[in-house]
Structure formats: C-alpha cells, structure tokens
Amino acid sequence: MEFVAAAIGIGKGIAGIFGAKSQKKIDRKQIQLQYEDNLEKIRRREFDQEQTLGQSKLLTEASGVRHTGGSTAQGFIDVMSSEFKKELDWMQQYADRSRSIGNRRASAAQTTGILNSVFSGINAYGTLSG
C-alpha cells in the first residue's frame, strides 16, 4: 500500500508542476496580448493627437495668425504638443510596467503552484500510507 501511496503522491506533485508551468505560459501569452493592445491604443492616441495638432494649426493659420516663436498661437500649439507627448510617454511607461508586473506575477504564481503541488503530493502520501 505504501508504494501506491508514494506513486499517487509523486504523480500528484508532478501533475501540479506541469500544470503550473503550463499556466505560466498561458499567463505570459495573456500579458503579451494585453501589452500589444496597449501599444495599439498608444498608436491610435498618437494618430488622434497628430490630427488635433494639425487641425489646430490649420485653423489658426486660416484665421491669419502667424506661427512664429513668440506668437500666442505657436505657444498654444507648443503647449498642446508637449502635453500630448507627456500623455504618450505615460501610456508607454504604463504598458511597460504592466507587462513587467504581470510577468513577475506569472512567475510567482508558478512557484506557488509548484510548491502547493509538492506539498499536496506529500500530504496525499502521508494520508494514504497511514
């Protein structure tokens, strides 16, 4: 009976180890997919910002305002451009940090899963071997 208990305990531990490894791969694929979605959002936001800047400049030029270094219109365009850049930079940093944290979480979850499987296998052996 002890051999059967050991085999069940070892089998349970090994199955959990492989399950944790597979789960980590799935988690990482999900994290990468979310990262790619964030990059697409950044690309679209950048496109929208370029359109907004272009329209703003066009409207001010159509009204006869000259865009020179000291003009109010140029100052407005410069501030808008600067704020847009800050927004895109923040979005990129968020996407990068989110991916990094997600990968660390996936690794920690795998380690936890492996340890739980090993202890579950030991517990199964102890319970069955009496």
N, C-alpha and C. Protein backbone atom coordinates (compact mmCIF):
# COMPACT_ATOMS: atom_id res chain seq x y z
N MET A 1 0.83 -1.20 0.00
CA MET A 1 0.00 0.00 0.00
C MET A 1 0.87 1.26 0.00
N GLU A 2 2.01 1.16 0.65
CA GLU A 2 2.87 2.34 0.73
C GLU A 2 3.40 2.72 -0.65
N PHE A 3 3.67 1.73 -1.49
CA PHE A 3 4.13 2.01 -2.85
C PHE A 3 3.05 2.77 -3.64
N VAL A 4 1.81 2.35 -3.50
CA VAL A 4 0.69 3.02 -4.18
C VAL A 4 0.56 4.45 -3.66
N ALA A 5 0.67 4.63 -2.36
CA ALA A 5 0.58 5.97 -1.77
C ALA A 5 1.70 6.87 -2.30
N ALA A 6 2.91 6.31 -2.38
CA ALA A 6 4.04 7.09 -2.90
C ALA A 6 3.82 7.45 -4.36
N ALA A 7 3.34 6.48 -5.14
CA ALA A 7 3.10 6.74 -6.56
C ALA A 7 2.03 7.81 -6.75
N ILE A 8 0.98 7.75 -5.97
CA ILE A 8 -0.08 8.76 -6.06
C ILE A 8 0.45 10.12 -5.65
N GLY A 9 1.21 10.16 -4.56
CA GLY A 9 1.78 11.43 -4.09
C GLY A 9 2.72 12.05 -5.11
N ILE A 10 3.59 11.19 -5.68
CA ILE A 10 4.54 11.69 -6.69
C ILE A 10 3.78 12.13 -7.94
N GLY A 11 2.81 11.32 -8.36
CA GLY A 11 2.02 11.67 -9.54
C GLY A 11 1.29 12.98 -9.37
N LYS A 12 0.72 13.18 -8.19
CA LYS A 12 0.01 14.43 -7.91
C LYS A 12 0.96 15.63 -7.96
N GLY A 13 2.15 15.45 -7.38
CA GLY A 13 3.14 16.53 -7.39
C GLY A 13 3.62 16.86 -8.79
N ILE A 14 3.91 15.83 -9.58
CA ILE A 14 4.39 16.04 -10.95
C ILE A 14 3.31 16.69 -11.82
N ALA A 15 2.08 16.21 -11.68
CA ALA A 15 0.98 16.81 -12.45
C ALA A 15 0.83 18.29 -12.12
N GLY A 16 0.95 18.62 -10.86
CA GLY A 16 0.85 20.03 -10.45
C GLY A 16 1.98 20.87 -10.98
N ILE A 17 3.17 20.31 -11.01
CA ILE A 17 4.34 21.05 -11.53
C ILE A 17 4.13 21.37 -13.02
N PHE A 18 3.71 20.37 -13.79
CA PHE A 18 3.47 20.61 -15.22
C PHE A 18 2.30 21.57 -15.42
N GLY A 19 1.28 21.44 -14.57
CA GLY A 19 0.14 22.36 -14.66
C GLY A 19 0.55 23.79 -14.39
N ALA A 20 1.41 23.98 -13.38
CA ALA A 20 1.88 25.34 -13.05
C ALA A 20 2.71 25.92 -14.19
N LYS A 21 3.52 25.06 -14.81
CA LYS A 21 4.34 25.52 -15.94
C LYS A 21 3.46 25.92 -17.12
N SER A 22 2.45 25.11 -17.40
CA SER A 22 1.52 25.45 -18.49
C SER A 22 0.75 26.72 -18.19
N GLN A 23 0.33 26.89 -16.95
CA GLN A 23 -0.40 28.09 -16.56
C GLN A 23 0.46 29.34 -16.73
N LYS A 24 1.75 29.21 -16.41
CA LYS A 24 2.65 30.36 -16.58
C LYS A 24 2.74 30.76 -18.05
N LYS A 25 2.81 29.77 -18.95
CA LYS A 25 2.87 30.07 -20.38
C LYS A 25 1.59 30.79 -20.83
N ILE A 26 0.46 30.31 -20.34
CA ILE A 26 -0.82 30.94 -20.68
C ILE A 26 -0.87 32.37 -20.13
N ASP A 27 -0.44 32.54 -18.88
CA ASP A 27 -0.43 33.88 -18.27
C ASP A 27 0.45 34.83 -19.06
N ARG A 28 1.61 34.36 -19.47
CA ARG A 28 2.53 35.22 -20.23
C ARG A 28 1.97 35.59 -21.60
N LYS A 29 1.27 34.66 -22.23
CA LYS A 29 0.63 34.97 -23.52
C LYS A 29 -0.45 36.02 -23.32
N GLN A 30 -1.21 35.90 -22.24
CA GLN A 30 -2.25 36.89 -21.94
C GLN A 30 -1.63 38.25 -21.65
N ILE A 31 -0.53 38.27 -20.94
CA ILE A 31 0.17 39.52 -20.63
C ILE A 31 0.68 40.16 -21.92
N GLN A 32 1.24 39.36 -22.83
CA GLN A 32 1.74 39.89 -24.09
C GLN A 32 0.60 40.44 -24.94
N LEU A 33 -0.52 39.76 -24.93
CA LEU A 33 -1.68 40.22 -25.68
C LEU A 33 -2.16 41.58 -25.14
N GLN A 34 -2.19 41.72 -23.83
CA GLN A 34 -2.60 42.99 -23.23
C GLN A 34 -1.59 44.09 -23.57
N TYR A 35 -0.30 43.74 -23.58
CA TYR A 35 0.74 44.70 -23.93
C TYR A 35 0.55 45.18 -25.37
N GLU A 36 0.28 44.25 -26.28
CA GLU A 36 0.06 44.62 -27.67
C GLU A 36 -1.18 45.50 -27.82
N ASP A 37 -2.20 45.23 -27.03
CA ASP A 37 -3.40 46.07 -27.03
C ASP A 37 -3.05 47.48 -26.54
N ASN A 38 -2.23 47.57 -25.51
CA ASN A 38 -1.79 48.88 -25.02
C ASN A 38 -0.99 49.63 -26.08
N LEU A 39 -0.13 48.93 -26.80
CA LEU A 39 0.64 49.58 -27.86
C LEU A 39 -0.27 50.10 -28.97
N GLU A 40 -1.31 49.33 -29.29
CA GLU A 40 -2.26 49.79 -30.31
C GLU A 40 -3.02 51.02 -29.83
N LYS A 41 -3.36 51.06 -28.56
CA LYS A 41 -4.03 52.25 -28.00
C LYS A 41 -3.11 53.46 -28.08
N ILE A 42 -1.84 53.25 -27.82
CA ILE A 42 -0.86 54.34 -27.92
C ILE A 42 -0.78 54.82 -29.37
N ARG A 43 -0.72 53.90 -30.31
CA ARG A 43 -0.63 54.27 -31.73
C ARG A 43 -1.85 55.08 -32.15
N ARG A 44 -3.02 54.63 -31.74
CA ARG A 44 -4.24 55.35 -32.10
C ARG A 44 -4.29 56.73 -31.44
N ARG A 45 -3.87 56.79 -30.19
CA ARG A 45 -3.86 58.08 -29.50
C ARG A 45 -2.91 59.04 -30.19
N GLU A 46 -1.74 58.54 -30.59
CA GLU A 46 -0.77 59.39 -31.28
C GLU A 46 -1.35 59.90 -32.60
N PHE A 47 -2.05 59.05 -33.33
CA PHE A 47 -2.69 59.47 -34.58
C PHE A 47 -3.71 60.57 -34.30
N ASP A 48 -4.56 60.37 -33.29
CA ASP A 48 -5.56 61.38 -32.92
C ASP A 48 -4.90 62.71 -32.54
N GLN A 49 -3.82 62.61 -31.80
CA GLN A 49 -3.12 63.83 -31.38
C GLN A 49 -2.54 64.57 -32.59
N GLU A 50 -1.97 63.83 -33.52
CA GLU A 50 -1.42 64.48 -34.72
C GLU A 50 -2.53 65.17 -35.51
N GLN A 51 -3.69 64.55 -35.58
CA GLN A 51 -4.83 65.17 -36.27
C GLN A 51 -5.26 66.44 -35.55
N THR A 52 -5.34 66.38 -34.23
CA THR A 52 -5.75 67.54 -33.45
C THR A 52 -4.75 68.68 -33.59
N LEU A 53 -3.46 68.37 -33.52
CA LEU A 53 -2.44 69.41 -33.69
C LEU A 53 -2.51 70.02 -35.09
N GLY A 54 -2.67 69.17 -36.09
CA GLY A 54 -2.75 69.66 -37.46
C GLY A 54 -3.96 70.56 -37.67
N GLN A 55 -5.11 70.17 -37.14
CA GLN A 55 -6.31 70.98 -37.28
C GLN A 55 -6.18 72.30 -36.52
N SER A 56 -5.57 72.24 -35.34
CA SER A 56 -5.39 73.47 -34.57
C SER A 56 -4.49 74.45 -35.31
N LYS A 57 -3.42 73.94 -35.86
CA LYS A 57 -2.50 74.81 -36.59
C LYS A 57 -3.17 75.35 -37.85
N LEU A 58 -3.91 74.50 -38.54
CA LEU A 58 -4.61 74.92 -39.75
C LEU A 58 -5.63 76.02 -39.44
N LEU A 59 -6.39 75.84 -38.36
CA LEU A 59 -7.41 76.84 -38.00
C LEU A 59 -6.78 78.18 -37.62
N THR A 60 -5.69 78.12 -36.88
CA THR A 60 -5.06 79.39 -36.51
C THR A 60 -4.42 80.06 -37.72
N GLU A 61 -3.83 79.28 -38.61
CA GLU A 61 -3.25 79.87 -39.82
C GLU A 61 -4.34 80.41 -40.74
N ALA A 62 -5.47 79.73 -40.80
CA ALA A 62 -6.57 80.19 -41.66
C ALA A 62 -7.15 81.51 -41.14
N SER A 63 -6.99 81.74 -39.85
CA SER A 63 -7.51 83.00 -39.30
C SER A 63 -6.50 84.14 -39.46
N GLY A 64 -5.37 83.85 -40.07
CA GLY A 64 -4.40 84.90 -40.34
C GLY A 64 -3.31 85.01 -39.28
N VAL A 65 -3.31 84.15 -38.31
CA VAL A 65 -2.28 84.20 -37.26
C VAL A 65 -1.00 83.57 -37.81
N ARG A 66 0.09 84.23 -37.54
CA ARG A 66 1.37 83.71 -37.98
C ARG A 66 2.00 82.91 -36.85
N HIS A 67 2.53 81.77 -37.21
CA HIS A 67 3.18 80.91 -36.21
C HIS A 67 4.66 81.25 -36.16
N THR A 68 4.99 82.10 -35.24
CA THR A 68 6.38 82.44 -35.01
C THR A 68 6.72 82.08 -33.58
N GLY A 69 7.97 82.18 -33.24
CA GLY A 69 8.42 81.77 -31.92
C GLY A 69 7.70 82.43 -30.76
N GLY A 70 7.29 83.66 -30.90
CA GLY A 70 6.68 84.36 -29.78
C GLY A 70 5.18 84.51 -29.86
N SER A 71 4.55 83.94 -30.87
CA SER A 71 3.12 84.15 -31.03
C SER A 71 2.33 83.31 -30.02
N THR A 72 1.15 83.83 -29.68
CA THR A 72 0.26 83.11 -28.78
C THR A 72 -0.19 81.80 -29.41
N ALA A 73 -0.46 81.83 -30.70
CA ALA A 73 -0.90 80.63 -31.40
C ALA A 73 0.20 79.56 -31.37
N GLN A 74 1.42 79.97 -31.61
CA GLN A 74 2.52 79.00 -31.59
C GLN A 74 2.72 78.47 -30.17
N GLY A 75 2.58 79.35 -29.19
CA GLY A 75 2.69 78.92 -27.79
C GLY A 75 1.64 77.88 -27.46
N PHE A 76 0.41 78.10 -27.93
CA PHE A 76 -0.68 77.16 -27.71
C PHE A 76 -0.35 75.81 -28.35
N ILE A 77 0.12 75.84 -29.58
CA ILE A 77 0.48 74.60 -30.29
C ILE A 77 1.62 73.89 -29.57
N ASP A 78 2.61 74.65 -29.10
CA ASP A 78 3.74 74.06 -28.38
C ASP A 78 3.30 73.39 -27.08
N VAL A 79 2.43 74.07 -26.33
CA VAL A 79 1.94 73.51 -25.07
C VAL A 79 1.12 72.25 -25.35
N MET A 80 0.25 72.31 -26.35
CA MET A 80 -0.56 71.15 -26.70
C MET A 80 0.34 69.98 -27.10
N SER A 81 1.33 70.24 -27.91
CA SER A 81 2.26 69.21 -28.36
C SER A 81 3.01 68.60 -27.17
N SER A 82 3.44 69.45 -26.26
CA SER A 82 4.16 68.98 -25.07
C SER A 82 3.27 68.09 -24.19
N GLU A 83 2.03 68.51 -23.99
CA GLU A 83 1.10 67.72 -23.18
C GLU A 83 0.78 66.38 -23.86
N PHE A 84 0.63 66.41 -25.16
CA PHE A 84 0.37 65.17 -25.89
C PHE A 84 1.55 64.20 -25.73
N LYS A 85 2.76 64.73 -25.82
CA LYS A 85 3.96 63.89 -25.66
C LYS A 85 4.00 63.29 -24.26
N LYS A 86 3.68 64.09 -23.24
CA LYS A 86 3.67 63.58 -21.87
C LYS A 86 2.65 62.45 -21.73
N GLU A 87 1.50 62.62 -22.36
CA GLU A 87 0.46 61.59 -22.29
C GLU A 87 0.94 60.29 -22.94
N LEU A 88 1.55 60.39 -24.11
CA LEU A 88 2.04 59.19 -24.79
C LEU A 88 3.17 58.53 -24.00
N ASP A 89 4.06 59.34 -23.44
CA ASP A 89 5.14 58.79 -22.63
C ASP A 89 4.58 58.03 -21.43
N TRP A 90 3.57 58.62 -20.77
CA TRP A 90 2.96 57.98 -19.62
C TRP A 90 2.30 56.66 -20.04
N MET A 91 1.59 56.67 -21.15
CA MET A 91 0.93 55.45 -21.63
C MET A 91 1.96 54.35 -21.92
N GLN A 92 3.09 54.71 -22.49
CA GLN A 92 4.14 53.73 -22.79
C GLN A 92 4.73 53.18 -21.49
N GLN A 93 4.99 54.07 -20.54
CA GLN A 93 5.53 53.62 -19.25
C GLN A 93 4.54 52.69 -18.54
N TYR A 94 3.27 53.03 -18.60
CA TYR A 94 2.23 52.19 -18.00
C TYR A 94 2.23 50.81 -18.65
N ALA A 95 2.27 50.76 -19.97
CA ALA A 95 2.25 49.49 -20.69
C ALA A 95 3.47 48.64 -20.32
N ASP A 96 4.63 49.27 -20.25
CA ASP A 96 5.86 48.55 -19.90
C ASP A 96 5.81 48.03 -18.46
N ARG A 97 5.38 48.88 -17.53
CA ARG A 97 5.29 48.47 -16.12
C ARG A 97 4.26 47.37 -15.93
N SER A 98 3.14 47.50 -16.61
CA SER A 98 2.09 46.50 -16.51
C SER A 98 2.59 45.13 -16.98
N ARG A 99 3.32 45.12 -18.09
CA ARG A 99 3.87 43.86 -18.60
C ARG A 99 4.89 43.29 -17.63
N SER A 100 5.74 44.12 -17.09
CA SER A 100 6.76 43.66 -16.15
C SER A 100 6.13 43.05 -14.89
N ILE A 101 5.15 43.74 -14.34
CA ILE A 101 4.47 43.25 -13.14
C ILE A 101 3.73 41.95 -13.46
N GLY A 102 3.08 41.90 -14.60
CA GLY A 102 2.37 40.69 -14.99
C GLY A 102 3.29 39.49 -15.12
N ASN A 103 4.46 39.70 -15.70
CA ASN A 103 5.42 38.60 -15.84
C ASN A 103 5.93 38.14 -14.48
N ARG A 104 6.17 39.08 -13.58
CA ARG A 104 6.60 38.70 -12.22
C ARG A 104 5.50 37.94 -11.50
N ARG A 105 4.25 38.39 -11.70
CA ARG A 105 3.12 37.70 -11.08
C ARG A 105 2.99 36.28 -11.60
N ALA A 106 3.18 36.11 -12.91
CA ALA A 106 3.10 34.77 -13.51
C ALA A 106 4.18 33.86 -12.95
N SER A 107 5.38 34.39 -12.76
CA SER A 107 6.47 33.59 -12.18
C SER A 107 6.18 33.22 -10.74
N ALA A 108 5.67 34.18 -9.98
CA ALA A 108 5.33 33.91 -8.58
C ALA A 108 4.20 32.89 -8.49
N ALA A 109 3.22 32.99 -9.37
CA ALA A 109 2.11 32.04 -9.37
C ALA A 109 2.61 30.63 -9.72
N GLN A 110 3.57 30.54 -10.64
CA GLN A 110 4.12 29.24 -10.99
C GLN A 110 4.84 28.63 -9.78
N THR A 111 5.66 29.42 -9.12
CA THR A 111 6.37 28.93 -7.94
C THR A 111 5.39 28.46 -6.87
N THR A 112 4.36 29.26 -6.63
CA THR A 112 3.34 28.89 -5.65
C THR A 112 2.64 27.61 -6.06
N GLY A 113 2.31 27.49 -7.34
CA GLY A 113 1.65 26.28 -7.83
C GLY A 113 2.52 25.04 -7.66
N ILE A 114 3.79 25.18 -7.94
CA ILE A 114 4.71 24.05 -7.78
C ILE A 114 4.81 23.64 -6.32
N LEU A 115 5.00 24.62 -5.44
CA LEU A 115 5.11 24.30 -4.01
C LEU A 115 3.82 23.66 -3.50
N ASN A 116 2.68 24.20 -3.90
CA ASN A 116 1.40 23.61 -3.48
C ASN A 116 1.27 22.18 -3.98
N SER A 117 1.72 21.92 -5.20
CA SER A 117 1.64 20.57 -5.74
C SER A 117 2.54 19.60 -4.99
N VAL A 118 3.74 20.04 -4.69
CA VAL A 118 4.67 19.18 -3.95
C VAL A 118 4.10 18.85 -2.56
N PHE A 119 3.63 19.89 -1.86
CA PHE A 119 3.08 19.64 -0.53
C PHE A 119 1.79 18.83 -0.58
N SER A 120 1.02 19.02 -1.62
CA SER A 120 -0.19 18.22 -1.80
C SER A 120 0.16 16.76 -2.05
N GLY A 121 1.20 16.52 -2.82
CA GLY A 121 1.67 15.16 -3.06
C GLY A 121 2.18 14.52 -1.78
N ILE A 122 2.93 15.27 -0.98
CA ILE A 122 3.43 14.76 0.29
C ILE A 122 2.26 14.44 1.21
N ASN A 123 1.29 15.34 1.24
CA ASN A 123 0.10 15.14 2.07
C ASN A 123 -0.68 13.90 1.62
N ALA A 124 -0.81 13.73 0.31
CA ALA A 124 -1.52 12.55 -0.21
C ALA A 124 -0.78 11.27 0.19
N TYR A 125 0.54 11.28 0.11
CA TYR A 125 1.33 10.12 0.52
C TYR A 125 1.11 9.85 2.01
N GLY A 126 1.20 10.90 2.82
CA GLY A 126 1.03 10.73 4.26
C GLY A 126 -0.35 10.20 4.62
N THR A 127 -1.36 10.69 3.95
CA THR A 127 -2.73 10.26 4.23
C THR A 127 -2.95 8.81 3.82
N LEU A 128 -2.44 8.44 2.63
CA LEU A 128 -2.68 7.09 2.12
C LEU A 128 -1.78 6.03 2.77
N SER A 129 -0.60 6.44 3.19
CA SER A 129 0.31 5.44 3.77
C SER A 129 -0.01 5.19 5.24
N GLY A 130 -0.80 6.08 5.82
CA GLY A 130 -1.33 5.85 7.15
C GLY A 130 -0.43 6.19 8.23
